[in-house]
Amino acid sequence: MHFFVFNKKQLIFAIAVVAVITAVCLTSGRAVMTFLVGGREIPIYSVERPDNKIALTFDCAWNDDDIDVIIDTLKKRDCTATFFVTGKWAEENGDSLNKLYRAGFEIGTHSYNHDDYTKMSSDEILADTEKAEKAVVKATGFVPKLFRAPSGAYNDNVVRTIENSGRIYLQWSVDGIDYGDAAADDIYSRVVEKTGPGDIILLHNGTAHTAEALPRILDTLTEKYELVNISDLIYTEDYVIDHAGKQSQRHIY
């Protein structure tokens, strides 16, 4: 009889491997592996791509003063974007939301009123998300499945509740930090200097200078990258998410 003696590092590694394999085996519907860091589930921040695709996203929670300008800027450059809207924004700015949808842009939800989901139970999260989705449906007739939490705040319960409900939780890997008094030049620099293939860029509407910075951002990015909707960037089956939230496709046999 042979006995195998593991040192501490080998034991930790073996436990991690077993945990990942178990997660795969227990996952129904999709072959998904969620990387656990200190026991924490990690959603999608970026995507490992074999091409030069990236996704531009906007969070909409304040006003719609610049929506027409943003739509016009995107359409003139034949670029697309994904807009994560709060339910209250959808109710107060239904015409603008309908313009976004009719223009062909992708729509996701961003809670109903930008409350902290980490302080909610699963039932409360689902009720709030469904309330936001109903507001989007009322304005557009479209049922969104993409989701981003307010302020990007999440814990295991938030990620599991959203994913188990059939929705897809998205974060971001490049932050324009375009709110407050952020200058257009600074927004531009933060985005174009940090963006690489597979990145998800975060901007906001209703800010002082985002619409002003957007033409330069698009002109620079489109020289190297192809802007696509998030649903065309991410993988929905057979994927792995690493410790940094980077999603990559892996076929499990």
Protein backbone atom coordinates (compact mmCIF):
# COMPACT_ATOMS: atom_id res chain seq x y z
CA MET A 1 0.00 0.00 0.00
CA HIS A 2 1.31 3.44 -0.94
CA PHE A 3 0.61 6.61 1.03
CA PHE A 4 0.84 10.10 -0.47
CA VAL A 5 1.98 12.93 1.78
CA PHE A 6 0.97 16.45 0.74
CA ASN A 7 2.68 19.58 1.92
CA LYS A 8 0.57 22.61 2.80
CA LYS A 9 0.71 24.25 -0.64
CA GLN A 10 -0.20 21.01 -2.40
CA LEU A 11 -3.11 20.46 -0.05
CA ILE A 12 -4.49 23.98 -0.64
CA PHE A 13 -4.15 23.53 -4.38
CA ALA A 14 -5.88 20.15 -4.28
CA ILE A 15 -8.78 21.59 -2.28
CA ALA A 16 -9.13 24.46 -4.76
CA VAL A 17 -9.19 22.07 -7.70
CA VAL A 18 -11.85 19.92 -6.07
CA ALA A 19 -13.93 23.03 -5.33
CA VAL A 20 -13.78 24.20 -8.92
CA ILE A 21 -14.63 20.75 -10.32
CA THR A 22 -17.53 20.49 -7.89
CA ALA A 23 -18.81 23.89 -9.01
CA VAL A 24 -18.76 22.71 -12.59
CA CYS A 25 -20.51 19.45 -11.86
CA LEU A 26 -23.25 21.13 -9.84
CA THR A 27 -23.96 23.81 -12.40
CA SER A 28 -27.13 23.18 -14.39
CA GLY A 29 -28.04 24.58 -17.79
CA ARG A 30 -24.64 26.08 -18.54
CA ALA A 31 -21.17 24.58 -18.14
CA VAL A 32 -19.76 27.37 -16.01
CA MET A 33 -16.83 27.63 -13.65
CA THR A 34 -16.84 30.62 -11.31
CA PHE A 35 -13.47 31.33 -9.77
CA LEU A 36 -13.63 31.67 -6.00
CA VAL A 37 -11.18 34.04 -4.33
CA GLY A 38 -11.23 33.59 -0.58
CA GLY A 39 -14.58 31.91 -1.08
CA ARG A 40 -16.00 34.87 -3.03
CA GLU A 41 -17.72 34.51 -6.38
CA ILE A 42 -16.39 36.75 -9.14
CA PRO A 43 -18.61 38.07 -11.97
CA ILE A 44 -17.44 39.08 -15.45
CA TYR A 45 -15.17 42.13 -15.61
CA SER A 46 -13.54 41.51 -19.00
CA VAL A 47 -13.22 38.79 -21.61
CA GLU A 48 -10.24 36.97 -23.07
CA ARG A 49 -10.78 37.31 -26.80
CA PRO A 50 -8.95 35.96 -29.87
CA ASP A 51 -9.89 39.20 -31.66
CA ASN A 52 -9.97 42.94 -30.98
CA LYS A 53 -13.56 43.24 -29.73
CA ILE A 54 -14.43 45.53 -26.81
CA ALA A 55 -17.70 46.73 -25.27
CA LEU A 56 -18.66 50.29 -24.37
CA THR A 57 -21.27 50.64 -21.64
CA PHE A 58 -23.21 53.50 -20.06
CA ASP A 59 -24.93 53.50 -16.68
CA CYS A 60 -28.07 55.65 -16.73
CA ALA A 61 -29.38 56.77 -13.35
CA TRP A 62 -29.53 60.57 -13.36
CA ASN A 63 -31.06 62.50 -16.26
CA ASP A 64 -31.41 62.23 -20.03
CA ASP A 65 -30.03 65.65 -20.99
CA ASP A 66 -27.28 64.23 -23.19
CA ILE A 67 -28.94 61.10 -24.57
CA ASP A 68 -29.69 62.60 -27.98
CA VAL A 69 -26.08 63.75 -28.34
CA ILE A 70 -24.74 60.35 -27.29
CA ILE A 71 -27.04 58.54 -29.73
CA ASP A 72 -26.06 60.88 -32.55
CA THR A 73 -22.33 60.49 -31.80
CA LEU A 74 -22.54 56.69 -31.75
CA LYS A 75 -24.66 56.45 -34.90
CA LYS A 76 -22.46 58.84 -36.89
CA ARG A 77 -19.49 56.55 -36.20
CA ASP A 78 -21.48 53.35 -36.68
CA CYS A 79 -20.66 52.31 -33.10
CA THR A 80 -22.79 50.44 -30.62
CA ALA A 81 -23.02 50.46 -26.81
CA THR A 82 -24.86 48.76 -23.97
CA PHE A 83 -26.93 50.94 -21.63
CA PHE A 84 -27.66 49.81 -18.06
CA VAL A 85 -30.65 51.80 -16.83
CA THR A 86 -32.33 52.05 -13.45
CA GLY A 87 -36.04 51.40 -13.38
CA LYS A 88 -36.73 54.89 -12.10
CA TRP A 89 -34.69 56.39 -14.96
CA ALA A 90 -36.70 54.26 -17.38
CA GLU A 91 -39.96 55.53 -15.90
CA GLU A 92 -38.90 59.17 -15.91
CA ASN A 93 -37.20 59.06 -19.31
CA GLY A 94 -39.25 56.52 -21.24
CA ASP A 95 -38.99 58.42 -24.52
CA SER A 96 -35.19 58.52 -24.31
CA LEU A 97 -35.02 54.84 -23.41
CA ASN A 98 -37.24 54.02 -26.36
CA LYS A 99 -34.93 56.08 -28.60
CA LEU A 100 -31.97 54.01 -27.40
CA TYR A 101 -33.79 50.78 -28.04
CA ARG A 102 -35.11 51.81 -31.47
CA ALA A 103 -31.60 52.94 -32.42
CA GLY A 104 -30.45 49.36 -31.87
CA PHE A 105 -28.49 49.75 -28.66
CA GLU A 106 -28.44 46.98 -26.08
CA ILE A 107 -30.35 47.52 -22.82
CA GLY A 108 -29.65 46.08 -19.37
CA THR A 109 -30.91 46.95 -15.90
CA HIS A 110 -29.10 48.73 -13.08
CA SER A 111 -31.56 48.15 -10.20
CA TYR A 112 -34.74 50.17 -9.74
CA ASN A 113 -33.44 53.14 -7.74
CA HIS A 114 -29.68 52.53 -7.32
CA ASP A 115 -30.01 50.94 -3.87
CA ASP A 116 -27.25 48.78 -2.38
CA TYR A 117 -27.93 45.16 -3.30
CA THR A 118 -25.39 43.87 -0.79
CA LYS A 119 -27.82 44.87 1.97
CA MET A 120 -30.74 42.98 0.44
CA SER A 121 -31.98 39.41 0.68
CA SER A 122 -32.34 37.29 -2.44
CA ASP A 123 -36.08 37.91 -2.53
CA GLU A 124 -35.55 41.66 -2.23
CA ILE A 125 -32.93 41.64 -5.00
CA LEU A 126 -35.24 39.76 -7.36
CA ALA A 127 -38.20 42.00 -6.55
CA ASP A 128 -36.15 45.14 -7.19
CA THR A 129 -34.66 43.79 -10.42
CA GLU A 130 -38.06 42.69 -11.70
CA LYS A 131 -39.46 46.14 -10.91
CA ALA A 132 -36.67 47.70 -12.98
CA GLU A 133 -37.28 45.26 -15.83
CA LYS A 134 -41.00 46.06 -15.90
CA ALA A 135 -40.15 49.74 -16.37
CA VAL A 136 -37.92 48.85 -19.33
CA VAL A 137 -40.60 46.61 -20.84
CA LYS A 138 -43.20 49.35 -20.49
CA ALA A 139 -41.02 51.79 -22.44
CA THR A 140 -39.63 49.42 -25.06
CA GLY A 141 -41.45 46.08 -25.04
CA PHE A 142 -38.05 44.46 -24.52
CA VAL A 143 -37.25 42.15 -21.59
CA PRO A 144 -33.62 42.74 -20.50
CA LYS A 145 -31.44 39.95 -19.12
CA LEU A 146 -28.18 41.84 -18.59
CA PHE A 147 -27.62 43.31 -15.14
CA ARG A 148 -25.14 45.57 -13.37
CA ALA A 149 -25.42 46.33 -9.67
CA PRO A 150 -25.48 49.91 -8.38
CA SER A 151 -21.93 51.18 -7.84
CA GLY A 152 -20.74 47.71 -8.88
CA ALA A 153 -21.30 46.55 -5.30
CA TYR A 154 -21.80 42.81 -4.94
CA ASN A 155 -21.31 39.84 -2.66
CA ASP A 156 -21.87 36.11 -3.10
CA ASN A 157 -25.59 36.48 -2.55
CA VAL A 158 -25.94 39.17 -5.22
CA VAL A 159 -24.00 37.21 -7.85
CA ARG A 160 -25.73 33.90 -7.13
CA THR A 161 -29.19 35.42 -7.01
CA ILE A 162 -28.77 37.21 -10.34
CA GLU A 163 -27.09 34.29 -12.12
CA ASN A 164 -29.47 31.66 -10.75
CA SER A 165 -32.41 33.71 -12.02
CA GLY A 166 -31.14 33.43 -15.59
CA ARG A 167 -29.76 36.94 -15.76
CA ILE A 168 -26.14 37.83 -16.53
CA TYR A 169 -24.15 39.97 -14.09
CA LEU A 170 -21.61 42.33 -15.71
CA GLN A 171 -18.94 44.54 -14.15
CA TRP A 172 -16.32 46.57 -16.04
CA SER A 173 -12.56 46.61 -16.47
CA VAL A 174 -12.00 50.21 -17.64
CA ASP A 175 -13.58 53.09 -15.70
CA GLY A 176 -13.74 56.52 -17.32
CA ILE A 177 -14.51 58.06 -13.89
CA ASP A 178 -16.58 60.58 -15.80
CA TYR A 179 -18.91 61.81 -13.08
CA GLY A 180 -18.66 64.92 -10.91
CA ASP A 181 -16.29 67.55 -12.28
CA ALA A 182 -14.29 65.15 -14.47
CA ALA A 183 -12.86 67.01 -17.46
CA ALA A 184 -13.36 65.70 -21.00
CA ASP A 185 -9.60 65.34 -21.57
CA ASP A 186 -9.22 63.30 -18.39
CA ILE A 187 -12.13 61.02 -19.29
CA TYR A 188 -10.64 60.48 -22.71
CA SER A 189 -7.18 59.66 -21.35
CA ARG A 190 -8.45 57.23 -18.73
CA VAL A 191 -10.41 55.27 -21.32
CA VAL A 192 -8.05 55.11 -24.29
CA GLU A 193 -4.87 54.54 -22.27
CA LYS A 194 -6.25 51.56 -20.36
CA THR A 195 -8.39 49.77 -22.93
CA GLY A 196 -7.27 46.49 -24.47
CA PRO A 197 -8.96 43.60 -26.30
CA GLY A 198 -11.90 42.16 -24.39
CA ASP A 199 -12.29 45.12 -22.05
CA ILE A 200 -15.64 46.45 -20.85
CA ILE A 201 -15.64 50.24 -20.56
CA LEU A 202 -17.79 52.11 -18.04
CA LEU A 203 -19.17 55.58 -18.75
CA HIS A 204 -22.28 57.42 -17.57
CA ASN A 205 -24.86 59.59 -19.19
CA GLY A 206 -26.12 62.73 -17.50
CA THR A 207 -22.64 63.95 -16.60
CA ALA A 208 -20.96 67.28 -17.29
CA HIS A 209 -18.46 66.19 -19.95
CA THR A 210 -18.97 62.56 -21.04
CA ALA A 211 -20.84 63.49 -24.22
CA GLU A 212 -18.07 65.98 -24.99
CA ALA A 213 -15.35 63.33 -24.56
CA LEU A 214 -17.19 60.60 -26.46
CA PRO A 215 -16.30 61.58 -30.08
CA ARG A 216 -12.56 61.52 -29.36
CA ILE A 217 -12.88 58.27 -27.43
CA LEU A 218 -14.68 56.57 -30.29
CA ASP A 219 -12.37 57.95 -32.97
CA THR A 220 -9.32 56.64 -31.12
CA LEU A 221 -10.72 53.27 -30.08
CA THR A 222 -12.12 52.39 -33.50
CA GLU A 223 -8.65 52.69 -34.99
CA LYS A 224 -7.68 49.51 -33.13
CA TYR A 225 -10.84 47.85 -31.81
CA GLU A 226 -14.28 46.68 -32.85
CA LEU A 227 -17.03 47.92 -30.53
CA VAL A 228 -19.74 45.31 -29.94
CA ASN A 229 -22.65 44.82 -27.59
CA ILE A 230 -21.77 43.04 -24.36
CA SER A 231 -23.86 40.04 -25.41
CA ASP A 232 -21.57 39.70 -28.44
CA LEU A 233 -18.42 40.01 -26.30
CA ILE A 234 -19.06 37.52 -23.52
CA TYR A 235 -19.40 33.73 -23.57
CA THR A 236 -22.62 32.19 -22.30
CA GLU A 237 -21.50 28.55 -22.20
CA ASP A 238 -18.38 26.61 -21.23
CA TYR A 239 -16.47 29.43 -19.63
CA VAL A 240 -14.08 30.13 -16.80
CA ILE A 241 -13.80 33.33 -14.77
CA ASP A 242 -10.40 33.91 -13.20
CA HIS A 243 -9.40 35.72 -10.01
CA ALA A 244 -9.45 39.11 -11.81
CA GLY A 245 -12.89 38.58 -13.33
CA LYS A 246 -11.57 37.83 -16.82
CA GLN A 247 -13.83 35.40 -18.63
CA SER A 248 -12.37 32.88 -21.06
CA GLN A 249 -13.91 30.02 -22.96
CA ARG A 250 -12.96 26.51 -21.94
CA HIS A 251 -14.47 23.29 -23.18
CA ILE A 252 -14.83 20.75 -20.40
CA TYR A 253 -14.60 17.09 -21.34
